[in-house]
Protein backbone atom coordinates (compact mmCIF):
# COMPACT_ATOMS: atom_id res chain seq x y z
CA MET A 1 118.63 36.05 -159.82
CA ALA A 2 116.55 33.06 -159.40
CA ALA A 3 113.09 33.60 -157.86
CA ALA A 4 112.78 32.65 -154.33
CA LEU A 5 110.74 29.46 -153.51
CA PRO A 6 108.00 30.14 -150.70
CA ALA A 7 108.60 29.00 -147.37
CA ALA A 8 107.66 25.42 -146.52
CA PRO A 9 105.10 25.15 -143.92
CA SER A 10 106.29 24.56 -140.45
CA TYR A 11 104.04 21.63 -140.06
CA ALA A 12 102.31 19.12 -142.53
CA ALA A 13 99.14 17.60 -141.24
CA SER A 14 99.54 13.93 -140.48
CA THR A 15 97.46 10.73 -140.06
CA LEU A 16 97.90 8.89 -136.79
CA ILE A 17 96.56 5.30 -136.98
CA VAL A 18 95.25 3.55 -133.94
CA SER A 19 94.54 -0.10 -133.43
CA ALA A 20 93.50 -1.64 -130.04
CA GLY A 21 95.66 -4.83 -130.52
CA GLY A 22 98.53 -3.22 -132.39
CA PRO A 23 99.28 -3.76 -136.18
CA THR A 24 96.89 -6.26 -137.87
CA ALA A 25 96.44 -7.54 -141.33
CA THR A 26 93.58 -5.14 -141.88
CA CYS A 27 95.49 -2.27 -140.01
CA PRO A 28 99.12 -2.73 -140.72
CA ASN A 29 100.38 1.00 -140.06
CA ALA A 30 98.93 1.27 -136.57
CA THR A 31 101.40 3.12 -134.33
CA TYR A 32 98.97 3.56 -131.21
CA THR A 33 97.00 1.19 -129.38
CA THR A 34 94.73 3.72 -127.67
CA ILE A 35 92.83 6.81 -128.79
CA GLY A 36 94.17 8.92 -126.10
CA ALA A 37 97.74 8.24 -126.93
CA ALA A 38 97.06 9.41 -130.42
CA VAL A 39 95.52 12.53 -129.23
CA THR A 40 98.45 13.26 -127.02
CA ALA A 41 101.06 12.82 -129.84
CA ALA A 42 98.60 14.71 -132.53
CA VAL A 43 98.95 18.56 -133.26
CA ALA A 44 96.27 20.88 -134.67
CA GLY A 45 95.30 19.85 -138.32
CA ASP A 46 95.90 15.99 -137.52
CA THR A 47 93.55 13.20 -138.42
CA ILE A 48 93.62 10.24 -136.09
CA HIS A 49 92.30 7.25 -137.84
CA VAL A 50 90.94 4.55 -135.62
CA CYS A 51 90.78 0.95 -136.73
CA PRO A 52 87.89 -1.60 -135.86
CA GLY A 53 88.19 -2.82 -132.19
CA THR A 54 86.72 -2.10 -128.88
CA TYR A 55 88.59 0.81 -126.88
CA ASN A 56 87.90 0.70 -123.25
CA GLU A 57 88.90 4.25 -122.45
CA ILE A 58 87.74 7.70 -121.81
CA VAL A 59 88.82 9.98 -124.87
CA GLU A 60 89.74 13.64 -123.85
CA VAL A 61 90.34 15.88 -126.86
CA THR A 62 91.75 19.20 -125.80
CA LYS A 63 93.54 20.13 -128.97
CA PRO A 64 91.77 22.19 -131.94
CA ASP A 65 91.18 21.40 -135.46
CA LEU A 66 91.67 17.70 -134.99
CA THR A 67 89.69 14.93 -136.91
CA LEU A 68 88.98 11.65 -135.34
CA GLU A 69 87.56 9.07 -137.61
CA GLY A 70 86.38 5.36 -137.13
CA GLU A 71 85.19 2.67 -139.20
CA THR A 72 81.72 2.04 -137.89
CA THR A 73 79.10 1.75 -140.72
CA LEU A 74 75.49 3.36 -139.84
CA PRO A 75 72.88 0.52 -139.54
CA GLN A 76 70.17 0.39 -142.49
CA ASN A 77 67.56 0.94 -139.80
CA CYS A 78 68.24 2.74 -136.52
CA ASP A 79 65.19 1.07 -134.71
CA GLN A 80 66.56 -2.44 -135.29
CA PHE A 81 69.20 -2.93 -132.73
CA VAL A 82 72.14 -5.03 -133.68
CA ALA A 83 75.21 -5.52 -131.35
CA PRO A 84 78.32 -3.67 -132.71
CA ASP A 85 80.94 -5.93 -134.31
CA PRO A 86 84.73 -5.26 -133.17
CA THR A 87 85.92 -6.54 -136.48
CA VAL A 88 84.30 -4.06 -138.48
CA ASP A 89 83.19 -1.25 -136.05
CA SER A 90 85.26 1.37 -134.17
CA ILE A 91 83.72 0.94 -130.59
CA ILE A 92 84.46 3.16 -127.61
CA ASP A 93 82.80 1.26 -124.87
CA PHE A 94 83.70 2.04 -121.15
CA THR A 95 81.35 1.05 -118.31
CA SER A 96 83.29 2.48 -115.35
CA ALA A 97 81.59 5.59 -113.66
CA THR A 98 82.11 8.81 -115.18
CA GLY A 99 79.67 11.69 -114.88
CA GLU A 100 80.91 13.39 -118.00
CA GLY A 101 81.32 11.80 -121.49
CA LEU A 102 83.10 8.72 -122.80
CA VAL A 103 84.25 11.25 -125.57
CA ASN A 104 84.95 14.73 -124.30
CA LEU A 105 85.49 17.29 -127.08
CA ARG A 106 87.05 20.57 -125.42
CA GLU A 107 88.53 22.55 -128.30
CA ASP A 108 87.37 24.25 -131.33
CA ASN A 109 86.79 22.76 -134.73
CA ILE A 110 86.98 19.18 -133.74
CA GLN A 111 85.61 16.54 -136.14
CA PHE A 112 84.26 13.17 -134.80
CA ARG A 113 82.89 10.51 -137.05
CA GLY A 114 82.36 6.81 -137.76
CA PHE A 115 82.45 5.47 -134.12
CA THR A 116 80.04 3.47 -131.95
CA VAL A 117 79.89 5.20 -128.51
CA GLN A 118 78.29 3.17 -125.80
CA ASN A 119 77.63 1.95 -122.34
CA ASN A 120 78.81 4.78 -120.28
CA GLN A 121 77.44 3.77 -116.78
CA GLY A 122 77.87 7.11 -115.32
CA SER A 123 78.47 8.56 -111.91
CA ASN A 124 75.21 8.27 -110.01
CA LEU A 125 73.77 6.97 -113.41
CA GLY A 126 74.74 10.23 -114.97
CA GLY A 127 76.86 10.96 -118.03
CA TYR A 128 76.93 11.01 -121.75
CA GLY A 129 78.14 9.36 -124.73
CA ILE A 130 79.76 12.61 -126.25
CA ASN A 131 80.34 15.79 -124.47
CA THR A 132 80.82 19.11 -126.03
CA SER A 133 81.96 22.40 -124.44
CA VAL A 134 79.98 25.62 -124.33
CA ALA A 135 83.41 27.55 -124.32
CA HIS A 136 84.01 26.25 -127.86
CA SER A 137 82.31 25.92 -131.24
CA GLY A 138 82.90 24.53 -134.79
CA TYR A 139 82.05 20.89 -133.89
CA LEU A 140 81.00 18.49 -136.65
CA ILE A 141 79.80 15.07 -135.22
CA THR A 142 78.82 12.65 -137.92
CA ASN A 143 77.91 9.17 -138.77
CA ASN A 144 78.15 7.63 -135.37
CA VAL A 145 75.97 5.21 -133.49
CA ILE A 146 75.45 6.43 -129.85
CA GLN A 147 73.71 4.08 -127.55
CA GLY A 148 73.14 2.58 -124.16
CA ASN A 149 74.33 5.71 -122.34
CA PRO A 150 72.47 7.84 -119.63
CA ALA A 151 72.06 10.46 -122.47
CA GLY A 152 73.48 10.13 -126.08
CA MET A 153 75.17 13.39 -126.25
CA TYR A 154 75.54 16.73 -124.21
CA TYR A 155 75.62 19.20 -126.72
CA ASN A 156 76.81 22.67 -126.00
CA ALA A 157 78.59 25.30 -128.13
CA SER A 158 79.57 28.97 -127.97
CA GLY A 159 78.36 29.75 -131.44
CA ALA A 160 81.42 31.68 -132.72
CA THR A 161 81.47 28.98 -135.65
CA GLN A 162 78.67 26.99 -136.43
CA SER A 163 78.31 23.47 -135.07
CA GLU A 164 76.59 20.46 -136.66
CA VAL A 165 75.37 17.03 -135.45
CA ALA A 166 74.27 15.16 -138.37
CA ARG A 167 73.49 11.76 -139.84
CA ASN A 168 74.00 9.83 -136.45
CA CYS A 169 71.91 6.93 -135.10
CA ILE A 170 71.13 7.77 -131.57
CA ARG A 171 69.14 5.24 -129.60
CA LEU A 172 68.32 3.54 -126.31
CA ASN A 173 70.10 6.10 -124.03
CA ASN A 174 68.17 5.51 -120.93
CA THR A 175 70.75 4.56 -118.18
CA GLY A 176 69.38 6.13 -114.94
CA PHE A 177 66.28 7.30 -116.59
CA GLN A 178 64.17 9.15 -113.86
CA VAL A 179 67.11 9.28 -111.44
CA GLN A 180 69.44 11.78 -113.34
CA PRO A 181 67.67 14.85 -115.10
CA ALA A 182 69.53 14.49 -118.20
CA ALA A 183 69.08 10.68 -118.62
CA GLY A 184 66.77 9.37 -121.21
CA ASN A 185 67.63 11.98 -123.81
CA GLY A 186 69.21 11.27 -127.15
CA ILE A 187 70.74 14.85 -127.33
CA TYR A 188 70.67 17.04 -124.36
CA SER A 189 71.88 20.73 -123.69
CA ASP A 190 71.42 22.96 -120.81
CA GLN A 191 74.76 25.12 -120.71
CA GLY A 192 73.98 27.11 -123.95
CA LEU A 193 73.82 26.22 -127.44
CA ASP A 194 74.17 28.81 -130.02
CA ASN A 195 74.63 28.77 -133.84
CA ALA A 196 73.94 25.04 -134.09
CA LEU A 197 72.52 22.45 -136.55
CA ILE A 198 70.83 19.20 -135.62
CA ASP A 199 69.95 17.53 -138.94
CA ASN A 200 69.25 14.34 -140.69
CA ASN A 201 69.70 12.18 -137.43
CA ALA A 202 67.67 8.92 -136.53
CA PHE A 203 66.44 8.59 -133.04
CA PHE A 204 64.96 5.40 -131.49
CA GLN A 205 63.35 4.90 -128.00
CA ASN A 206 65.06 7.70 -125.90
CA LYS A 207 62.61 7.73 -123.04
CA ASN A 208 62.73 11.42 -122.21
CA GLY A 209 63.25 12.69 -125.53
CA ALA A 210 65.22 12.52 -128.90
CA ILE A 211 66.24 15.97 -128.35
CA THR A 212 65.91 18.23 -125.10
CA LEU A 213 67.06 21.78 -125.12
CA ASP A 214 66.64 22.66 -121.64
CA LYS A 215 66.08 26.11 -119.84
CA TYR A 216 69.07 26.81 -117.81
CA GLN A 217 70.95 28.89 -120.49
CA ASN A 218 69.69 30.26 -123.71
CA THR A 219 69.24 28.25 -127.00
CA VAL A 220 69.92 30.62 -129.84
CA ARG A 221 69.86 30.17 -133.64
CA VAL A 222 69.49 26.50 -133.48
CA ASN A 223 68.11 24.60 -136.64
CA ILE A 224 66.62 21.39 -136.11
CA HIS A 225 65.46 19.72 -139.50
CA HIS A 226 65.13 16.38 -141.41
CA ASN A 227 65.43 14.34 -138.27
CA VAL A 228 63.44 11.13 -137.66
CA SER A 229 62.19 10.03 -134.17
CA HIS A 230 60.60 6.72 -133.61
CA GLN A 231 59.14 5.78 -130.20
CA ASP A 232 60.94 8.24 -128.18
CA GLU A 233 59.04 10.20 -125.51
CA SER A 234 59.35 13.37 -127.85
CA LEU A 235 61.10 14.21 -130.88
CA LEU A 236 61.97 17.65 -129.18
CA ASN A 237 61.63 19.40 -125.98
CA ILE A 238 62.82 23.03 -126.33
CA PHE A 239 63.05 25.75 -123.63
CA ARG A 240 64.31 29.24 -123.43
CA SER A 241 64.98 29.42 -127.28
CA ASN A 242 65.42 32.46 -129.54
CA ASP A 243 65.39 32.69 -133.41
CA SER A 244 65.33 29.00 -133.86
CA LEU A 245 63.82 26.66 -136.51
CA VAL A 246 62.02 23.15 -136.25
CA THR A 247 61.46 21.88 -139.74
CA ASP A 248 60.82 18.96 -141.94
CA ASN A 249 61.18 16.49 -139.05
CA GLN A 250 59.18 13.22 -138.76
CA ALA A 251 57.79 11.73 -135.42
CA VAL A 252 56.15 8.38 -135.32
CA GLY A 253 54.74 6.65 -132.17
CA ASN A 254 56.02 9.11 -129.56
CA THR A 255 54.88 8.39 -125.93
CA GLY A 256 54.60 12.08 -124.96
CA PRO A 257 54.13 15.31 -127.16
CA ALA A 258 56.04 14.85 -130.56
CA ILE A 259 57.24 18.45 -130.20
CA PHE A 260 56.98 20.16 -126.79
CA ILE A 261 57.33 24.01 -126.59
CA GLY A 262 58.29 24.89 -123.06
CA ASP A 263 58.91 28.03 -121.13
CA ASP A 264 59.94 31.20 -122.58
CA ASN A 265 60.76 30.62 -126.41
CA HIS A 266 60.73 33.67 -128.65
CA VAL A 267 60.76 33.90 -132.55
CA LEU A 268 60.33 30.05 -132.94
CA GLN A 269 59.34 28.45 -136.16
CA VAL A 270 57.83 25.04 -135.98
CA LEU A 271 57.16 24.11 -139.84
CA ARG A 272 56.22 21.41 -142.17
CA ASN A 273 56.89 18.60 -139.47
CA ASN A 274 55.13 15.21 -139.97
CA ILE A 275 53.58 13.54 -136.89
CA GLN A 276 51.99 10.13 -137.03
CA GLY A 277 50.32 8.32 -134.10
CA GLY A 278 51.58 8.93 -130.53
CA TYR A 279 50.35 11.03 -127.65
CA HIS A 280 50.04 14.52 -128.45
CA GLY A 281 51.07 16.14 -131.70
CA ILE A 282 52.64 19.58 -130.77
CA ARG A 283 52.01 21.09 -127.33
CA SER A 284 53.04 24.27 -125.66
CA ASP A 285 53.09 24.25 -121.78
CA THR A 286 55.02 25.96 -119.03
CA PHE A 287 56.57 24.62 -115.69
CA VAL A 288 56.80 28.64 -114.77
CA PRO A 289 54.67 31.34 -115.91
CA LEU A 290 56.86 32.38 -118.64
CA PRO A 291 54.80 31.95 -121.86
CA SER A 292 56.26 31.74 -125.26
CA ASP A 293 55.74 34.39 -127.79
CA GLN A 294 55.99 35.00 -131.72
CA VAL A 295 56.03 31.29 -132.34
CA GLN A 296 54.75 30.04 -135.72
CA ILE A 297 53.40 26.51 -136.02
CA SER A 298 52.61 26.22 -139.65
CA ASN A 299 52.05 23.76 -142.32
CA ASN A 300 52.65 20.62 -140.17
CA THR A 301 50.84 17.22 -140.88
CA ILE A 302 49.47 15.45 -137.80
CA GLN A 303 47.47 12.34 -137.89
CA ASN A 304 46.02 9.84 -135.47
CA VAL A 305 47.37 11.00 -132.20
CA THR A 306 45.87 9.93 -128.82
CA ARG A 307 45.11 13.24 -127.46
CA ASP A 308 45.23 16.76 -129.25
CA GLY A 309 46.60 17.51 -132.55
CA ILE A 310 47.94 20.96 -131.45
CA SER A 311 47.24 22.25 -128.01
CA VAL A 312 48.17 25.27 -125.97
CA GLY A 313 48.40 24.56 -122.24
CA PRO A 314 47.47 27.22 -119.51
CA ASN A 315 49.33 30.61 -119.96
CA SER A 316 52.01 29.27 -122.39
CA LEU A 317 51.62 30.93 -125.63
CA THR A 318 50.72 34.56 -126.67
CA ASN A 319 51.04 36.75 -130.07
CA SER A 320 51.73 33.57 -131.98
CA THR A 321 50.21 32.02 -135.15
CA ILE A 322 48.86 28.51 -135.79
CA SER A 323 48.12 28.42 -139.53
CA ASP A 324 47.88 25.96 -142.56
CA ASN A 325 48.28 22.93 -140.51
CA SER A 326 46.62 19.69 -141.46
CA VAL A 327 45.03 17.74 -138.30
CA SER A 328 42.94 14.46 -138.54
CA SER A 329 41.63 11.92 -136.41
CA SER A 330 42.74 13.23 -133.05
CA GLY A 331 41.73 11.34 -130.02
CA HIS A 332 40.58 14.57 -128.36
CA ASP A 333 40.83 18.00 -130.04
CA GLY A 334 42.11 19.02 -133.32
CA VAL A 335 43.35 22.50 -131.89
CA LEU A 336 42.89 23.21 -128.45
CA ILE A 337 43.71 26.50 -126.37
CA GLU A 338 43.32 26.17 -122.85
CA ASN A 339 42.44 28.93 -120.32
CA ASN A 340 44.32 30.14 -117.27
CA GLY A 341 44.50 33.73 -117.68
CA GLY A 342 46.77 33.83 -120.56
CA ASN A 343 47.08 32.32 -124.06
CA GLY A 344 45.79 35.70 -125.64
CA GLY A 345 46.45 37.44 -129.09
CA ASN A 346 47.07 34.23 -130.96
CA THR A 347 45.85 33.80 -134.69
CA VAL A 348 44.60 30.27 -135.92
CA THR A 349 43.90 30.36 -139.52
CA ARG A 350 43.59 28.19 -142.73
CA ASN A 351 43.91 24.98 -140.76
CA VAL A 352 42.17 21.73 -142.05
CA LEU A 353 40.77 20.00 -138.88
CA GLN A 354 38.76 17.05 -139.24
CA ASN A 355 37.51 13.82 -137.57
CA SER A 356 38.67 14.83 -133.93
CA THR A 357 36.87 12.76 -131.21
CA LEU A 358 35.69 15.75 -129.34
CA TYR A 359 36.15 19.08 -131.12
CA ASP A 360 38.09 20.07 -134.20
CA CYS A 361 38.25 23.52 -132.75
CA GLU A 362 38.25 24.43 -129.07
CA ASP A 363 39.29 27.72 -127.25
CA LEU A 364 38.61 28.15 -123.69
CA THR A 365 39.91 31.61 -123.29
CA THR A 366 37.63 34.55 -122.90
CA GLY A 367 37.97 38.03 -124.54
CA THR A 368 37.16 40.25 -127.57
CA GLY A 369 38.33 37.67 -130.17
CA THR A 370 36.26 35.27 -132.31
CA ALA A 371 33.22 33.87 -130.58
CA GLY A 372 34.14 35.69 -127.33
CA THR A 373 37.52 34.03 -126.95
CA ALA A 374 40.91 35.97 -126.62
CA ASN A 375 42.17 35.05 -130.00
CA THR A 376 41.41 35.24 -133.69
CA TRP A 377 40.06 32.35 -135.62
CA THR A 378 39.58 32.43 -139.48
CA ALA A 379 39.14 30.56 -142.48
CA ASN A 380 39.76 27.07 -140.82
CA GLN A 381 37.99 23.97 -142.31
CA ALA A 382 36.42 22.03 -139.51
CA ALA A 383 33.15 20.37 -138.65
CA THR A 384 32.94 20.91 -134.89
CA SER A 385 33.86 23.83 -132.53
CA ASN A 386 33.57 25.12 -129.01
CA PRO A 387 32.43 27.64 -128.50
CA ALA A 388 29.88 27.69 -131.12
CA GLY A 389 30.93 29.80 -134.20
CA LEU A 390 34.58 29.45 -133.47
CA CYS A 391 35.24 27.34 -136.75
CA PRO A 392 32.07 27.77 -138.88
CA ARG A 393 31.47 24.83 -141.12
CA ARG A 394 33.17 26.07 -144.36
CA PRO A 395 31.89 25.66 -147.81
CA SER A 396 34.06 23.95 -150.45
CA LEU A 397 32.76 25.05 -154.13
CA THR A 398 33.01 22.80 -156.93
CA ILE A 399 32.62 23.74 -160.71
CA LYS A 400 32.06 21.61 -163.78
CA LYS A 401 31.86 22.26 -167.31
CA THR A 402 30.36 20.24 -170.22
CA HIS A 403 29.34 20.40 -173.80
CA VAL A 404 27.81 17.90 -176.17
CA GLY A 405 29.37 16.68 -179.23
CA ASP A 406 31.96 18.63 -181.36
CA PHE A 407 31.60 22.16 -182.55
CA THR A 408 31.33 22.85 -186.21
CA GLY A 409 32.61 26.15 -188.28
CA GLY A 410 29.56 28.25 -189.16
CA GLN A 411 27.22 26.96 -186.46
CA ASN A 412 26.85 27.77 -182.61
CA GLY A 413 28.06 25.73 -179.70
CA THR A 414 26.63 25.58 -176.01
CA TYR A 415 28.46 24.87 -173.05
CA THR A 416 26.87 24.21 -169.34
CA ILE A 417 28.54 25.40 -166.22
CA THR A 418 27.33 24.18 -162.91
CA VAL A 419 28.61 25.41 -159.34
CA GLY A 420 28.12 23.08 -156.32
CA ASN A 421 29.18 22.92 -152.62
CA ALA A 422 30.89 19.87 -151.48
CA GLY A 423 31.92 21.47 -148.04
CA PRO A 424 30.29 20.84 -144.67
CA GLY A 425 28.96 24.34 -144.35
CA SER A 426 26.94 26.68 -146.51
CA THR A 427 28.38 29.65 -148.40
CA ASP A 428 28.31 32.78 -146.29
CA GLY A 429 26.58 35.19 -148.54
CA SER A 430 29.70 36.82 -149.98
CA THR A 431 29.74 37.04 -153.94
CA VAL A 432 30.36 33.87 -155.83
CA THR A 433 32.07 34.67 -159.03
CA VAL A 434 32.29 32.38 -162.20
CA HIS A 435 34.61 33.39 -164.82
CA ASP A 436 35.19 31.63 -168.18
CA VAL A 437 38.25 31.75 -170.78
CA LEU A 438 37.14 30.42 -174.32
CA PRO A 439 39.22 28.46 -176.67
CA GLN A 440 40.96 30.73 -179.22
CA GLY A 441 38.72 31.72 -181.98
CA LEU A 442 35.38 31.39 -180.42
CA THR A 443 33.21 34.09 -179.44
CA ALA A 444 30.46 34.47 -176.86
CA ALA A 445 26.84 34.95 -178.17
CA SER A 446 24.91 34.57 -174.86
CA LEU A 447 25.60 33.89 -171.08
CA SER A 448 22.82 33.34 -168.71
CA GLY A 449 21.57 31.30 -165.75
CA THR A 450 18.70 31.62 -163.45
CA GLY A 451 19.56 33.73 -160.39
CA TRP A 452 22.87 34.71 -161.96
CA ILE A 453 24.05 38.40 -163.04
CA CYS A 454 26.05 37.78 -166.18
CA SER A 455 28.29 39.64 -168.64
CA VAL A 456 29.04 38.44 -172.07
CA ALA A 457 31.62 41.20 -172.34
CA THR A 458 33.56 39.99 -169.45
CA LEU A 459 32.19 36.21 -169.60
CA THR A 460 31.63 36.66 -165.73
CA CYS A 461 28.46 35.54 -163.78
CA THR A 462 28.04 36.37 -159.96
CA ARG A 463 25.42 35.78 -157.31
CA SER A 464 25.51 36.44 -153.37
CA ASP A 465 22.69 33.99 -152.10
CA ALA A 466 23.81 31.17 -149.84
CA LEU A 467 24.29 27.93 -151.20
CA ALA A 468 23.85 24.82 -148.69
CA ALA A 469 26.10 22.11 -148.26
CA GLY A 470 25.67 19.32 -150.87
CA ALA A 471 23.53 21.59 -153.27
CA SER A 472 24.22 23.30 -156.43
CA TYR A 473 23.21 26.77 -157.98
CA PRO A 474 21.15 26.59 -161.36
CA ALA A 475 23.30 25.87 -164.40
CA ILE A 476 24.82 28.72 -166.49
CA THR A 477 24.20 28.31 -170.14
CA LEU A 478 27.14 29.80 -172.50
CA THR A 479 26.42 29.89 -176.17
CA VAL A 480 29.16 30.43 -178.59
CA ASP A 481 29.93 31.48 -182.26
CA VAL A 482 32.02 29.08 -184.08
CA PRO A 483 33.11 31.18 -187.10
CA CYS A 484 34.03 29.37 -190.49
CA ASN A 485 37.73 30.59 -190.21
CA CYS A 486 38.18 29.18 -186.62
CA GLU A 487 41.14 27.00 -186.54
CA VAL A 488 40.21 23.14 -186.89
CA GLY A 489 41.23 21.09 -183.90
CA GLN A 490 41.10 20.92 -180.11
CA GLY A 491 40.84 23.93 -177.78
CA ILE A 492 40.42 23.93 -174.04
CA ASN A 493 37.71 25.95 -172.31
CA THR A 494 38.63 26.99 -168.75
CA VAL A 495 36.31 28.09 -166.09
CA THR A 496 37.08 29.15 -162.47
CA VAL A 497 34.82 29.79 -159.22
CA THR A 498 35.63 31.88 -156.25
CA GLY A 499 34.05 33.29 -153.22
CA GLY A 500 31.28 32.31 -151.07
CA GLY A 501 33.45 32.10 -147.99
CA ASP A 502 35.64 29.48 -149.76
CA SER A 503 39.31 30.94 -149.91
CA THR A 504 40.33 28.58 -152.74
CA THR A 505 39.90 29.15 -156.40
CA HIS A 506 38.55 26.33 -158.12
CA THR A 507 39.04 25.27 -161.80
CA ALA A 508 37.49 23.24 -164.54
CA THR A 509 38.53 22.52 -167.97
CA ASP A 510 36.59 21.07 -170.95
CA PRO A 511 38.41 20.03 -174.12
CA THR A 512 36.45 20.89 -177.17
CA THR A 513 37.09 19.46 -180.79
CA ILE A 514 36.34 22.16 -183.58
CA LYS A 515 35.55 20.82 -187.11
CA HIS A 516 35.21 22.58 -190.22
CA GLY A 517 31.73 23.37 -191.35
CA LYS A 518 30.65 21.78 -194.71
CA LEU A 519 28.34 24.80 -195.52
CA CYS A 520 30.94 27.43 -194.74
CA GLY A 521 32.16 27.26 -198.62
CA LEU A 522 28.66 28.27 -200.12
CA HIS A 523 28.93 31.67 -198.46
CA LYS A 524 31.98 32.74 -200.19
CA PRO A 525 31.28 35.12 -203.43
CA HIS A 526 31.93 33.25 -206.81
CA THR A 527 31.15 34.25 -210.44
CA HIS A 528 30.03 31.45 -212.74
CA HIS A 529 30.34 31.86 -216.69
CA TRP A 530 28.10 29.41 -218.49
CA PHE A 531 29.38 30.40 -221.97
CA PRO A 532 32.64 31.78 -223.26
CA MET A 533 32.65 35.53 -223.30
CA LEU A 534 33.69 36.88 -226.57
CA PRO A 535 35.96 40.09 -226.36
CA THR A 536 34.30 43.31 -227.61
CA PRO A 537 35.77 44.37 -230.77
CA PHE A 538 37.68 47.53 -231.05
CA ILE A 539 36.25 50.02 -233.36
CA PRO A 540 38.37 53.22 -233.62
CA SER A 541 36.86 56.53 -234.33
CA VAL A 542 37.06 58.25 -237.60
CA LEU A 543 38.01 61.92 -237.30
CA PRO A 544 38.89 64.44 -240.01
CA ASN A 545 42.56 64.91 -240.74
CA PRO A 546 43.36 68.46 -241.96
CA PHE A 547 46.50 67.35 -243.55
CA MET A 548 44.55 64.98 -245.96
CA PRO A 549 42.35 66.00 -248.83
CA SER A 550 38.75 65.06 -248.79
CA MET A 551 37.98 61.87 -250.62
CA PRO A 552 35.08 61.50 -252.80
CA ALA A 553 32.31 59.39 -251.68
CA MET A 554 32.49 55.95 -252.79
CA PRO A 555 29.86 54.71 -255.22
CA SER A 556 26.98 52.70 -254.16
CA MET A 557 27.45 48.91 -255.13
CA PRO A 558 24.72 47.73 -257.44
CA PRO A 559 22.41 45.15 -255.91
CA LEU A 560 23.37 41.64 -256.79
CA PRO A 561 21.04 40.00 -259.39
CA VAL A 562 18.51 37.69 -258.36
CA ARG A 563 18.06 34.36 -260.05
CA HIS A 564 15.02 33.19 -261.27
């Protein structure tokens, strides 16, 4: 019996083609003139391909698992506006009033890519370019230009399947700004957003913010990364979030806080963002007394902002960490924690804060923490602080190692080690430790320096007296033996210094050339034979043999005659 063939699927996915003017030379297979008609005809799994042209319609997608694709190409620079071209771009443009989206995606697993979505004039100046539903998830919205709407996108999702908004140019969405609450945002959410990505988008001149995740419903498990914001009010305004990430974004020239942490955020990580210019760098604040907690603000770079690099508004942040950030040239403070009965239990550590107009470090809270504040400040590098002692001026140790000439086998060599302090503050009296590692083959003969306690066995020297900024300790002299059998060539001497209140280990190296010693051969044992040495003749012993008869004595030979 022949094997039975598997049953054919009841439906094979199709591609439906749309052209606003019907079939054309560049779109000959179009069978629909509106996107809406193609959506009505489509079933789950279909792709709707939209040829270049202008589509004056509101697009409603109420079927799952559809893909809508246009032919718009993203601009090289999102901050250089060029009007779309209907001969090459797929443009959805509808200026009649709608308080929702020009494109409304109301089912699961819808992909929408390659469109220009613009000019929703909105009901009472509200509305969006693209609208997703909090009842659904699995959205993938990519490679679109979204511009000239009250808000670019209304992004809500249930979280059952991860949703993503990526690689879009979202700009100039300001219709109805300061009239409608959502207007002026590139991406806006307030109905609930769960298990969502916002990544690799470019934003430009959205007057309220590139991304605003508002406080009416929870924002959960949202990852915002590798976005670029130029001249938006903020890169991000985030409220009432849980377990979310804000990482590796860039913000340039924002007119408000580049990253604004609003009410009631929990387990929020703000990491490795780069903020240049603009007003505030990163700021937490509240509109109602619901502070955020377990927030980590770390490894961000903030330069040349008008106000504070990182600031904490009254009663807005508790039990959080501000660490390992680099903040320079702020117009007010580097890091500021304001006071109004809250803002306690925070740790501010290992930040590099410099060239702030007022203070590099300022904490106006009161409590049992550092310098009488309610927070812990440790190991920050800063020049100015309020109150005094909040950020002591830190040392920065330096180490240098030198020698003169080459080292020669059979002789001694000498290294000189110098420890200095290039930081703005003196060392704190804790132990400074120098440790040396010699090139292979060399051995230490002596190790010493004025005021140093040194050990030849471990090649370490220590001391605990304070070293002022700009000063150096007395030099350490290390004498080494260079044996005759030391390998000829170049070795590397390595020396490190740690301690003194400087949390960094500093290292210096000193390449050393080792040459063969000319006198090394004279010390080898050697025997010289000035004349040939003759072998000693072998003379056997004469012993009596009992088996042989005695021989008579030989007669003496007469003397030779003497001639006269």
